[in-house]
Amino acid sequence: SDGSIRLHQMTSEYPLMQWNDSTNGQPVIALQWALTRPAVFFALDASSNIYIWDLLENDLLPVAKQTIPSEKVVAMCLLGEPEKANGLLGIVLAKESGQMEIQYVKKKWASP
């Protein structure tokens, strides 16, 4: 609820990494690892901002932020086929009105 993100190992109650205030204090609505690139994850905050984290590029801050200005986004889900080498990765966004939107991710954050 405060924008903090923690990375845990299954065998420990303490986080391996913790990013406080990673969304400028906005609650994190959804967080998901990329299906095609294991070091990348995406976070959606309550202000309809999507943060892209690539831990191989920068493990302190997100490498990109995208604001969805048109309407409030209430849910996010990633789609892709990890068994295929094409690196195609998409984000499905559910908006407050019930509309769905699919956006495709740049290859540099999607390719294995």
Protein backbone atom coordinates (compact mmCIF):
# COMPACT_ATOMS: atom_id res chain seq x y z
CA SER A 1 0.00 0.00 0.00
CA ASP A 2 2.99 2.35 0.36
CA GLY A 3 4.71 1.61 -2.95
CA SER A 4 7.35 -0.72 -1.51
CA ILE A 5 8.40 -3.79 -3.46
CA ARG A 6 10.25 -6.72 -1.89
CA LEU A 7 11.99 -9.63 -3.58
CA HIS A 8 11.94 -12.79 -1.48
CA GLN A 9 13.61 -16.15 -1.69
CA MET A 10 11.23 -19.01 -0.84
CA THR A 11 13.51 -20.31 1.94
CA SER A 12 13.73 -17.07 3.92
CA GLU A 13 11.29 -14.69 5.57
CA TYR A 14 13.64 -11.77 4.92
CA PRO A 15 13.75 -10.09 1.50
CA LEU A 16 16.79 -10.38 -0.76
CA MET A 17 16.07 -6.85 -2.04
CA GLN A 18 13.66 -4.14 -1.02
CA TRP A 19 12.75 -1.01 -2.92
CA ASN A 20 11.00 1.53 -0.69
CA ASP A 21 8.77 4.16 -2.24
CA SER A 22 9.31 2.61 -5.66
CA THR A 23 6.08 4.17 -6.97
CA ASN A 24 6.34 7.57 -5.25
CA GLY A 25 4.09 6.34 -2.46
CA GLN A 26 1.28 5.04 -4.71
CA PRO A 27 -0.11 1.58 -3.83
CA VAL A 28 1.07 -1.26 -6.07
CA ILE A 29 -1.99 -2.75 -7.80
CA ALA A 30 -0.25 -5.52 -9.77
CA LEU A 31 3.23 -6.93 -10.18
CA GLN A 32 4.32 -9.67 -12.57
CA TRP A 33 7.56 -11.15 -13.88
CA ALA A 34 8.09 -11.08 -17.63
CA LEU A 35 7.26 -14.44 -19.16
CA THR A 36 10.05 -14.26 -21.72
CA ARG A 37 12.89 -12.60 -19.75
CA PRO A 38 13.48 -13.73 -16.15
CA ALA A 39 15.24 -10.59 -14.87
CA VAL A 40 12.40 -8.23 -15.86
CA PHE A 41 9.23 -7.46 -13.95
CA PHE A 42 6.41 -4.95 -14.32
CA ALA A 43 4.55 -3.07 -11.60
CA LEU A 44 1.28 -1.14 -11.92
CA ASP A 45 0.45 1.55 -9.36
CA ALA A 46 -2.87 3.11 -8.35
CA SER A 47 -2.20 6.16 -10.57
CA SER A 48 -2.06 4.03 -13.75
CA ASN A 49 1.73 4.11 -14.05
CA ILE A 50 3.56 1.03 -15.27
CA TYR A 51 7.12 0.60 -14.04
CA ILE A 52 9.53 -1.69 -15.88
CA TRP A 53 12.35 -3.17 -13.82
CA ASP A 54 15.28 -4.92 -15.51
CA LEU A 55 17.48 -6.22 -12.70
CA LEU A 56 20.36 -6.94 -15.09
CA GLU A 57 20.41 -3.31 -16.24
CA ASN A 58 19.67 -1.54 -12.93
CA ASP A 59 18.76 -3.16 -9.63
CA LEU A 60 18.14 0.14 -7.81
CA LEU A 61 15.49 1.85 -9.95
CA PRO A 62 13.03 1.02 -12.72
CA VAL A 63 14.49 1.33 -16.21
CA ALA A 64 11.27 2.82 -17.61
CA LYS A 65 7.94 4.26 -16.56
CA GLN A 66 4.84 4.55 -18.73
CA THR A 67 1.76 6.50 -17.68
CA ILE A 68 -1.61 5.47 -19.10
CA PRO A 69 -3.34 8.87 -19.22
CA SER A 70 -6.68 8.12 -20.86
CA GLU A 71 -8.42 6.20 -18.09
CA LYS A 72 -7.65 4.53 -14.76
CA VAL A 73 -6.11 1.07 -15.12
CA VAL A 74 -7.40 -1.37 -12.48
CA ALA A 75 -5.58 -4.58 -13.45
CA MET A 76 -2.60 -5.76 -15.49
CA CYS A 77 -1.55 -9.15 -16.84
CA LEU A 78 1.37 -10.14 -19.06
CA LEU A 79 1.11 -12.43 -22.04
CA GLY A 80 3.79 -14.19 -24.00
CA GLU A 81 5.16 -17.57 -24.93
CA PRO A 82 8.38 -18.29 -23.02
CA GLU A 83 9.05 -21.47 -25.03
CA LYS A 84 9.31 -19.45 -28.27
CA ALA A 85 12.46 -17.47 -29.05
CA ASN A 86 10.64 -14.56 -30.75
CA GLY A 87 10.56 -12.61 -27.47
CA LEU A 88 7.02 -11.34 -28.03
CA LEU A 89 5.64 -9.96 -24.76
CA GLY A 90 2.42 -8.03 -24.25
CA ILE A 91 0.68 -6.29 -21.38
CA VAL A 92 -3.08 -6.58 -21.03
CA LEU A 93 -4.56 -3.59 -19.21
CA ALA A 94 -8.07 -3.61 -17.75
CA LYS A 95 -9.53 -0.14 -17.47
CA GLU A 96 -12.14 1.15 -15.03
CA SER A 97 -14.77 1.30 -17.79
CA GLY A 98 -14.33 -2.42 -18.51
CA GLN A 99 -12.32 -1.89 -21.70
CA MET A 100 -9.23 -4.01 -22.29
CA GLU A 101 -6.08 -2.77 -24.01
CA ILE A 102 -3.04 -4.73 -25.17
CA GLN A 103 0.33 -3.06 -25.50
CA TYR A 104 3.45 -4.80 -26.74
CA VAL A 105 6.77 -4.42 -24.93
CA LYS A 106 9.99 -3.35 -26.63
CA LYS A 107 12.22 -6.25 -27.63
CA LYS A 108 15.01 -5.17 -25.26
CA TRP A 109 12.77 -5.98 -22.27
CA ALA A 110 11.10 -9.01 -23.84
CA SER A 111 13.83 -11.01 -25.64
CA PRO A 112 15.32 -13.93 -23.72
